[in-house]
Amino acid sequence: MRAKDKDRLATLRQITAAIKQFEVDNRQDLDDDGIITILTKMCKQRRDSLSQFQEAGRDDLAAVEIAELAIIEEFMPTAMTDDEIAGAIEAVIAETGAAGPADMGKVMNALRPKLQGRADMGSVSGLVKAALTA
């Protein structure tokens, strides 16, 4: 507020509003994992909006989404590298004893808490599917 950065302030207010809304709706206090889940959802919403604005040629609205996404990502945990993701997938496959594509749900359920907010779960899903079919 003191820096007079209105865009950053508006985004931070959106974050706190989303957290408070969840807490009021579910009558529970959020822990760090819950907040990361909300921030992940907000990032996904911004990316979806960004792609739609770019397709429609609305560069002005796309710029707003890019700025909001950058601010939200400041509060996300550091992203995992591709090697770290591959290592986690291999470890969970060995841990769960998954043998084929039919076990994908079991692997994803074990991976989700470990990778939530640190990796794009859509791309992780593709990597798990490739690992299980190989």
N, C-alpha and C. Protein backbone atom coordinates (compact mmCIF):
# COMPACT_ATOMS: atom_id res chain seq x y z
N MET A 1 0.83 -1.19 0.00
CA MET A 1 0.00 0.00 0.00
C MET A 1 0.88 1.25 0.00
N ARG A 2 1.95 1.19 0.76
CA ARG A 2 2.82 2.37 0.84
C ARG A 2 3.57 2.60 -0.46
N ALA A 3 3.79 1.55 -1.22
CA ALA A 3 4.51 1.69 -2.48
C ALA A 3 3.62 2.24 -3.58
N LYS A 4 2.33 2.34 -3.32
CA LYS A 4 1.35 2.87 -4.28
C LYS A 4 1.25 1.99 -5.53
N ASP A 5 1.51 0.70 -5.38
CA ASP A 5 1.40 -0.24 -6.50
C ASP A 5 0.00 -0.82 -6.47
N LYS A 6 -0.90 -0.18 -7.20
CA LYS A 6 -2.32 -0.54 -7.14
C LYS A 6 -2.59 -1.93 -7.72
N ASP A 7 -1.89 -2.31 -8.79
CA ASP A 7 -2.11 -3.62 -9.39
C ASP A 7 -1.72 -4.74 -8.44
N ARG A 8 -0.57 -4.60 -7.79
CA ARG A 8 -0.11 -5.60 -6.83
C ARG A 8 -1.07 -5.67 -5.64
N LEU A 9 -1.49 -4.53 -5.16
CA LEU A 9 -2.42 -4.48 -4.03
C LEU A 9 -3.74 -5.18 -4.38
N ALA A 10 -4.24 -4.93 -5.59
CA ALA A 10 -5.50 -5.56 -6.01
C ALA A 10 -5.35 -7.08 -6.08
N THR A 11 -4.22 -7.56 -6.58
CA THR A 11 -3.99 -9.00 -6.67
C THR A 11 -3.86 -9.62 -5.28
N LEU A 12 -3.16 -8.96 -4.39
CA LEU A 12 -3.02 -9.47 -3.03
C LEU A 12 -4.38 -9.51 -2.32
N ARG A 13 -5.20 -8.53 -2.60
CA ARG A 13 -6.55 -8.54 -2.02
C ARG A 13 -7.38 -9.69 -2.59
N GLN A 14 -7.19 -10.01 -3.86
CA GLN A 14 -7.89 -11.16 -4.45
C GLN A 14 -7.46 -12.46 -3.77
N ILE A 15 -6.18 -12.57 -3.49
CA ILE A 15 -5.66 -13.77 -2.82
C ILE A 15 -6.27 -13.90 -1.43
N THR A 16 -6.24 -12.83 -0.65
CA THR A 16 -6.79 -12.92 0.70
C THR A 16 -8.29 -13.15 0.67
N ALA A 17 -8.98 -12.57 -0.30
CA ALA A 17 -10.42 -12.79 -0.41
C ALA A 17 -10.73 -14.25 -0.72
N ALA A 18 -9.94 -14.87 -1.61
CA ALA A 18 -10.16 -16.28 -1.95
C ALA A 18 -9.92 -17.17 -0.73
N ILE A 19 -8.89 -16.85 0.04
CA ILE A 19 -8.58 -17.65 1.24
C ILE A 19 -9.70 -17.50 2.27
N LYS A 20 -10.11 -16.26 2.51
CA LYS A 20 -11.18 -16.03 3.49
C LYS A 20 -12.49 -16.65 3.05
N GLN A 21 -12.78 -16.59 1.76
CA GLN A 21 -14.01 -17.18 1.24
C GLN A 21 -14.04 -18.68 1.49
N PHE A 22 -12.90 -19.35 1.24
CA PHE A 22 -12.81 -20.78 1.48
C PHE A 22 -13.00 -21.09 2.95
N GLU A 23 -12.36 -20.31 3.81
CA GLU A 23 -12.46 -20.55 5.24
C GLU A 23 -13.88 -20.34 5.75
N VAL A 24 -14.57 -19.35 5.23
CA VAL A 24 -15.95 -19.10 5.65
C VAL A 24 -16.88 -20.19 5.12
N ASP A 25 -16.70 -20.56 3.87
CA ASP A 25 -17.56 -21.58 3.27
C ASP A 25 -17.42 -22.93 3.95
N ASN A 26 -16.20 -23.30 4.30
CA ASN A 26 -15.94 -24.62 4.88
C ASN A 26 -15.78 -24.62 6.38
N ARG A 27 -15.87 -23.45 6.99
CA ARG A 27 -15.75 -23.30 8.44
C ARG A 27 -14.52 -24.01 9.01
N GLN A 28 -13.39 -23.73 8.35
CA GLN A 28 -12.13 -24.29 8.83
C GLN A 28 -10.99 -23.34 8.47
N ASP A 29 -9.94 -23.38 9.27
CA ASP A 29 -8.76 -22.58 8.97
C ASP A 29 -7.87 -23.36 8.02
N LEU A 30 -7.30 -22.64 7.06
CA LEU A 30 -6.44 -23.29 6.08
C LEU A 30 -5.01 -23.39 6.60
N ASP A 31 -4.37 -24.51 6.28
CA ASP A 31 -2.96 -24.65 6.55
C ASP A 31 -2.20 -24.27 5.27
N ASP A 32 -0.91 -24.44 5.27
CA ASP A 32 -0.10 -24.06 4.11
C ASP A 32 -0.49 -24.83 2.85
N ASP A 33 -0.78 -26.12 3.01
CA ASP A 33 -1.17 -26.92 1.84
C ASP A 33 -2.48 -26.42 1.24
N GLY A 34 -3.41 -26.03 2.08
CA GLY A 34 -4.68 -25.51 1.59
C GLY A 34 -4.51 -24.20 0.85
N ILE A 35 -3.64 -23.36 1.36
CA ILE A 35 -3.38 -22.08 0.70
C ILE A 35 -2.69 -22.31 -0.64
N ILE A 36 -1.77 -23.26 -0.69
CA ILE A 36 -1.10 -23.58 -1.95
C ILE A 36 -2.11 -24.10 -2.97
N THR A 37 -3.07 -24.88 -2.50
CA THR A 37 -4.12 -25.37 -3.40
C THR A 37 -4.92 -24.22 -3.99
N ILE A 38 -5.26 -23.25 -3.17
CA ILE A 38 -6.01 -22.09 -3.65
C ILE A 38 -5.17 -21.28 -4.63
N LEU A 39 -3.89 -21.07 -4.31
CA LEU A 39 -3.01 -20.32 -5.21
C LEU A 39 -2.83 -21.05 -6.54
N THR A 40 -2.74 -22.37 -6.48
CA THR A 40 -2.62 -23.17 -7.70
C THR A 40 -3.86 -22.99 -8.57
N LYS A 41 -5.01 -23.01 -7.94
CA LYS A 41 -6.27 -22.82 -8.67
C LYS A 41 -6.32 -21.43 -9.30
N MET A 42 -5.87 -20.42 -8.55
CA MET A 42 -5.87 -19.06 -9.08
C MET A 42 -4.91 -18.94 -10.27
N CYS A 43 -3.76 -19.60 -10.19
CA CYS A 43 -2.81 -19.58 -11.31
C CYS A 43 -3.41 -20.25 -12.54
N LYS A 44 -4.08 -21.37 -12.33
CA LYS A 44 -4.71 -22.07 -13.45
C LYS A 44 -5.79 -21.21 -14.09
N GLN A 45 -6.57 -20.52 -13.28
CA GLN A 45 -7.60 -19.63 -13.82
C GLN A 45 -6.96 -18.52 -14.66
N ARG A 46 -5.86 -17.96 -14.17
CA ARG A 46 -5.19 -16.89 -14.91
C ARG A 46 -4.63 -17.40 -16.24
N ARG A 47 -4.06 -18.61 -16.23
CA ARG A 47 -3.51 -19.17 -17.47
C ARG A 47 -4.61 -19.44 -18.49
N ASP A 48 -5.75 -19.95 -18.02
CA ASP A 48 -6.88 -20.21 -18.92
C ASP A 48 -7.39 -18.90 -19.52
N SER A 49 -7.55 -17.90 -18.69
CA SER A 49 -8.01 -16.59 -19.17
C SER A 49 -7.00 -15.98 -20.13
N LEU A 50 -5.73 -16.15 -19.82
CA LEU A 50 -4.68 -15.60 -20.66
C LEU A 50 -4.74 -16.19 -22.06
N SER A 51 -4.89 -17.51 -22.14
CA SER A 51 -4.95 -18.14 -23.47
C SER A 51 -6.19 -17.69 -24.24
N GLN A 52 -7.31 -17.53 -23.56
CA GLN A 52 -8.52 -17.06 -24.23
C GLN A 52 -8.38 -15.63 -24.71
N PHE A 53 -7.77 -14.77 -23.90
CA PHE A 53 -7.58 -13.37 -24.29
C PHE A 53 -6.62 -13.27 -25.47
N GLN A 54 -5.57 -14.10 -25.47
CA GLN A 54 -4.61 -14.06 -26.57
C GLN A 54 -5.25 -14.54 -27.87
N GLU A 55 -6.09 -15.57 -27.79
CA GLU A 55 -6.79 -16.06 -28.97
C GLU A 55 -7.74 -15.02 -29.53
N ALA A 56 -8.33 -14.24 -28.64
CA ALA A 56 -9.28 -13.21 -29.07
C ALA A 56 -8.59 -11.91 -29.47
N GLY A 57 -7.26 -11.86 -29.31
CA GLY A 57 -6.53 -10.66 -29.67
C GLY A 57 -6.66 -9.53 -28.68
N ARG A 58 -7.02 -9.84 -27.45
CA ARG A 58 -7.17 -8.81 -26.41
C ARG A 58 -5.87 -8.72 -25.60
N ASP A 59 -4.89 -8.06 -26.18
CA ASP A 59 -3.58 -7.95 -25.54
C ASP A 59 -3.63 -7.12 -24.26
N ASP A 60 -4.57 -6.18 -24.16
CA ASP A 60 -4.68 -5.38 -22.96
C ASP A 60 -5.10 -6.23 -21.77
N LEU A 61 -6.09 -7.09 -21.98
CA LEU A 61 -6.54 -7.97 -20.89
C LEU A 61 -5.52 -9.08 -20.62
N ALA A 62 -4.83 -9.53 -21.66
CA ALA A 62 -3.80 -10.55 -21.48
C ALA A 62 -2.67 -10.00 -20.62
N ALA A 63 -2.32 -8.74 -20.79
CA ALA A 63 -1.25 -8.13 -19.99
C ALA A 63 -1.63 -8.09 -18.51
N VAL A 64 -2.90 -7.83 -18.23
CA VAL A 64 -3.37 -7.81 -16.84
C VAL A 64 -3.24 -9.21 -16.23
N GLU A 65 -3.63 -10.22 -16.99
CA GLU A 65 -3.55 -11.60 -16.50
C GLU A 65 -2.10 -12.01 -16.26
N ILE A 66 -1.20 -11.61 -17.15
CA ILE A 66 0.22 -11.93 -16.99
C ILE A 66 0.76 -11.29 -15.71
N ALA A 67 0.39 -10.05 -15.47
CA ALA A 67 0.86 -9.36 -14.26
C ALA A 67 0.32 -10.02 -13.00
N GLU A 68 -0.97 -10.38 -13.00
CA GLU A 68 -1.55 -11.05 -11.83
C GLU A 68 -0.91 -12.41 -11.61
N LEU A 69 -0.67 -13.14 -12.69
CA LEU A 69 -0.06 -14.46 -12.58
C LEU A 69 1.33 -14.36 -11.97
N ALA A 70 2.10 -13.36 -12.38
CA ALA A 70 3.45 -13.18 -11.84
C ALA A 70 3.41 -12.90 -10.34
N ILE A 71 2.44 -12.11 -9.91
CA ILE A 71 2.34 -11.78 -8.48
C ILE A 71 1.92 -13.01 -7.68
N ILE A 72 0.96 -13.76 -8.18
CA ILE A 72 0.51 -14.96 -7.47
C ILE A 72 1.63 -15.99 -7.38
N GLU A 73 2.40 -16.14 -8.47
CA GLU A 73 3.47 -17.14 -8.48
C GLU A 73 4.59 -16.80 -7.50
N GLU A 74 4.68 -15.54 -7.07
CA GLU A 74 5.68 -15.18 -6.05
C GLU A 74 5.44 -15.93 -4.75
N PHE A 75 4.20 -16.29 -4.48
CA PHE A 75 3.84 -16.93 -3.22
C PHE A 75 3.77 -18.45 -3.33
N MET A 76 4.02 -18.97 -4.52
CA MET A 76 4.02 -20.41 -4.72
C MET A 76 5.39 -20.99 -4.34
N PRO A 77 5.44 -22.26 -3.95
CA PRO A 77 6.74 -22.88 -3.68
C PRO A 77 7.56 -22.95 -4.97
N THR A 78 8.86 -23.09 -4.82
CA THR A 78 9.71 -23.17 -6.00
C THR A 78 9.34 -24.38 -6.83
N ALA A 79 9.35 -24.19 -8.13
CA ALA A 79 8.95 -25.26 -9.05
C ALA A 79 10.02 -26.34 -9.09
N MET A 80 9.58 -27.57 -9.28
CA MET A 80 10.50 -28.70 -9.39
C MET A 80 11.06 -28.75 -10.80
N THR A 81 12.28 -29.25 -10.92
CA THR A 81 12.87 -29.45 -12.24
C THR A 81 12.30 -30.72 -12.85
N ASP A 82 12.52 -30.89 -14.15
CA ASP A 82 12.03 -32.09 -14.84
C ASP A 82 12.65 -33.35 -14.26
N ASP A 83 13.92 -33.27 -13.89
CA ASP A 83 14.59 -34.44 -13.30
C ASP A 83 14.00 -34.80 -11.94
N GLU A 84 13.67 -33.78 -11.14
CA GLU A 84 13.07 -34.04 -9.83
C GLU A 84 11.68 -34.66 -9.99
N ILE A 85 10.93 -34.18 -10.96
CA ILE A 85 9.60 -34.74 -11.22
C ILE A 85 9.71 -36.19 -11.67
N ALA A 86 10.63 -36.45 -12.59
CA ALA A 86 10.82 -37.83 -13.08
C ALA A 86 11.25 -38.76 -11.94
N GLY A 87 12.12 -38.27 -11.06
CA GLY A 87 12.55 -39.06 -9.92
C GLY A 87 11.40 -39.36 -8.97
N ALA A 88 10.55 -38.36 -8.73
CA ALA A 88 9.39 -38.56 -7.86
C ALA A 88 8.42 -39.57 -8.47
N ILE A 89 8.23 -39.48 -9.78
CA ILE A 89 7.32 -40.43 -10.45
C ILE A 89 7.87 -41.85 -10.33
N GLU A 90 9.15 -42.02 -10.59
CA GLU A 90 9.75 -43.35 -10.48
C GLU A 90 9.64 -43.90 -9.07
N ALA A 91 9.87 -43.04 -8.08
CA ALA A 91 9.80 -43.49 -6.68
C ALA A 91 8.38 -43.92 -6.31
N VAL A 92 7.38 -43.16 -6.75
CA VAL A 92 6.00 -43.50 -6.40
C VAL A 92 5.55 -44.76 -7.14
N ILE A 93 5.99 -44.93 -8.38
CA ILE A 93 5.64 -46.15 -9.12
C ILE A 93 6.22 -47.36 -8.40
N ALA A 94 7.47 -47.26 -7.96
CA ALA A 94 8.09 -48.37 -7.22
C ALA A 94 7.41 -48.58 -5.88
N GLU A 95 7.05 -47.48 -5.22
CA GLU A 95 6.41 -47.54 -3.90
C GLU A 95 5.02 -48.18 -3.96
N THR A 96 4.25 -47.84 -4.99
CA THR A 96 2.89 -48.35 -5.10
C THR A 96 2.83 -49.69 -5.82
N GLY A 97 3.90 -50.05 -6.50
CA GLY A 97 3.90 -51.31 -7.24
C GLY A 97 3.06 -51.24 -8.50
N ALA A 98 2.90 -50.05 -9.06
CA ALA A 98 2.10 -49.87 -10.26
C ALA A 98 2.76 -50.59 -11.43
N ALA A 99 1.91 -51.29 -12.21
CA ALA A 99 2.45 -52.09 -13.31
C ALA A 99 2.00 -51.61 -14.68
N GLY A 100 0.91 -50.89 -14.75
CA GLY A 100 0.43 -50.48 -16.06
C GLY A 100 -0.49 -49.29 -15.96
N PRO A 101 -1.06 -48.89 -17.10
CA PRO A 101 -1.94 -47.72 -17.14
C PRO A 101 -3.15 -47.82 -16.22
N ALA A 102 -3.55 -49.01 -15.88
CA ALA A 102 -4.71 -49.18 -14.99
C ALA A 102 -4.42 -48.65 -13.58
N ASP A 103 -3.14 -48.56 -13.23
CA ASP A 103 -2.74 -48.09 -11.90
C ASP A 103 -2.46 -46.59 -11.87
N MET A 104 -2.81 -45.88 -12.92
CA MET A 104 -2.49 -44.46 -13.01
C MET A 104 -3.14 -43.66 -11.87
N GLY A 105 -4.37 -43.96 -11.53
CA GLY A 105 -5.05 -43.25 -10.45
C GLY A 105 -4.34 -43.41 -9.12
N LYS A 106 -3.87 -44.61 -8.87
CA LYS A 106 -3.15 -44.89 -7.62
C LYS A 106 -1.86 -44.07 -7.55
N VAL A 107 -1.15 -43.99 -8.67
CA VAL A 107 0.10 -43.24 -8.72
C VAL A 107 -0.17 -41.74 -8.57
N MET A 108 -1.17 -41.23 -9.28
CA MET A 108 -1.48 -39.80 -9.22
C MET A 108 -1.93 -39.39 -7.82
N ASN A 109 -2.71 -40.24 -7.15
CA ASN A 109 -3.15 -39.92 -5.79
C ASN A 109 -1.98 -39.86 -4.82
N ALA A 110 -0.96 -40.68 -5.04
CA ALA A 110 0.22 -40.66 -4.18
C ALA A 110 1.12 -39.47 -4.52
N LEU A 111 1.14 -39.06 -5.79
CA LEU A 111 2.01 -37.95 -6.22
C LEU A 111 1.44 -36.58 -5.87
N ARG A 112 0.13 -36.45 -5.91
CA ARG A 112 -0.51 -35.14 -5.76
C ARG A 112 -0.04 -34.38 -4.51
N PRO A 113 -0.03 -35.00 -3.33
CA PRO A 113 0.41 -34.23 -2.15
C PRO A 113 1.89 -33.82 -2.23
N LYS A 114 2.70 -34.62 -2.90
CA LYS A 114 4.13 -34.33 -2.98
C LYS A 114 4.44 -33.21 -3.97
N LEU A 115 3.65 -33.12 -5.04
CA LEU A 115 3.96 -32.19 -6.12
C LEU A 115 3.04 -30.99 -6.19
N GLN A 116 1.98 -30.97 -5.41
CA GLN A 116 0.98 -29.90 -5.48
C GLN A 116 1.63 -28.54 -5.33
N GLY A 117 1.43 -27.67 -6.29
CA GLY A 117 1.97 -26.33 -6.26
C GLY A 117 3.41 -26.22 -6.73
N ARG A 118 4.08 -27.34 -6.88
CA ARG A 118 5.48 -27.32 -7.31
C ARG A 118 5.65 -27.80 -8.73
N ALA A 119 4.56 -28.37 -9.30
CA ALA A 119 4.60 -28.86 -10.68
C ALA A 119 3.20 -28.80 -11.26
N ASP A 120 3.12 -28.64 -12.58
CA ASP A 120 1.84 -28.63 -13.27
C ASP A 120 1.32 -30.07 -13.32
N MET A 121 0.23 -30.32 -12.63
CA MET A 121 -0.28 -31.69 -12.51
C MET A 121 -0.76 -32.22 -13.86
N GLY A 122 -1.13 -31.37 -14.78
CA GLY A 122 -1.53 -31.82 -16.12
C GLY A 122 -0.36 -32.45 -16.86
N SER A 123 0.80 -31.81 -16.80
CA SER A 123 1.97 -32.37 -17.46
C SER A 123 2.49 -33.58 -16.70
N VAL A 124 2.36 -33.56 -15.38
CA VAL A 124 2.78 -34.72 -14.57
C VAL A 124 1.94 -35.94 -14.95
N SER A 125 0.66 -35.72 -15.20
CA SER A 125 -0.23 -36.81 -15.59
C SER A 125 0.26 -37.46 -16.89
N GLY A 126 0.65 -36.63 -17.83
CA GLY A 126 1.18 -37.16 -19.10
C GLY A 126 2.47 -37.95 -18.89
N LEU A 127 3.33 -37.46 -18.01
CA LEU A 127 4.58 -38.16 -17.72
C LEU A 127 4.32 -39.50 -17.02
N VAL A 128 3.35 -39.52 -16.11
CA VAL A 128 2.99 -40.77 -15.43
C VAL A 128 2.45 -41.77 -16.43
N LYS A 129 1.58 -41.30 -17.30
CA LYS A 129 1.00 -42.19 -18.32
C LYS A 129 2.08 -42.78 -19.21
N ALA A 130 3.04 -41.93 -19.62
CA ALA A 130 4.15 -42.42 -20.46
C ALA A 130 5.01 -43.43 -19.70
N ALA A 131 5.25 -43.18 -18.41
CA ALA A 131 6.08 -44.09 -17.61
C ALA A 131 5.38 -45.43 -17.41
N LEU A 132 4.06 -45.40 -17.26
CA LEU A 132 3.33 -46.65 -17.00
C LEU A 132 3.12 -47.47 -18.27
N THR A 133 3.12 -46.82 -19.42
CA THR A 133 2.94 -47.57 -20.67
C THR A 133 4.26 -48.08 -21.22
N ALA A 134 5.37 -47.54 -20.72
CA ALA A 134 6.69 -47.97 -21.23
C ALA A 134 7.13 -49.27 -20.63
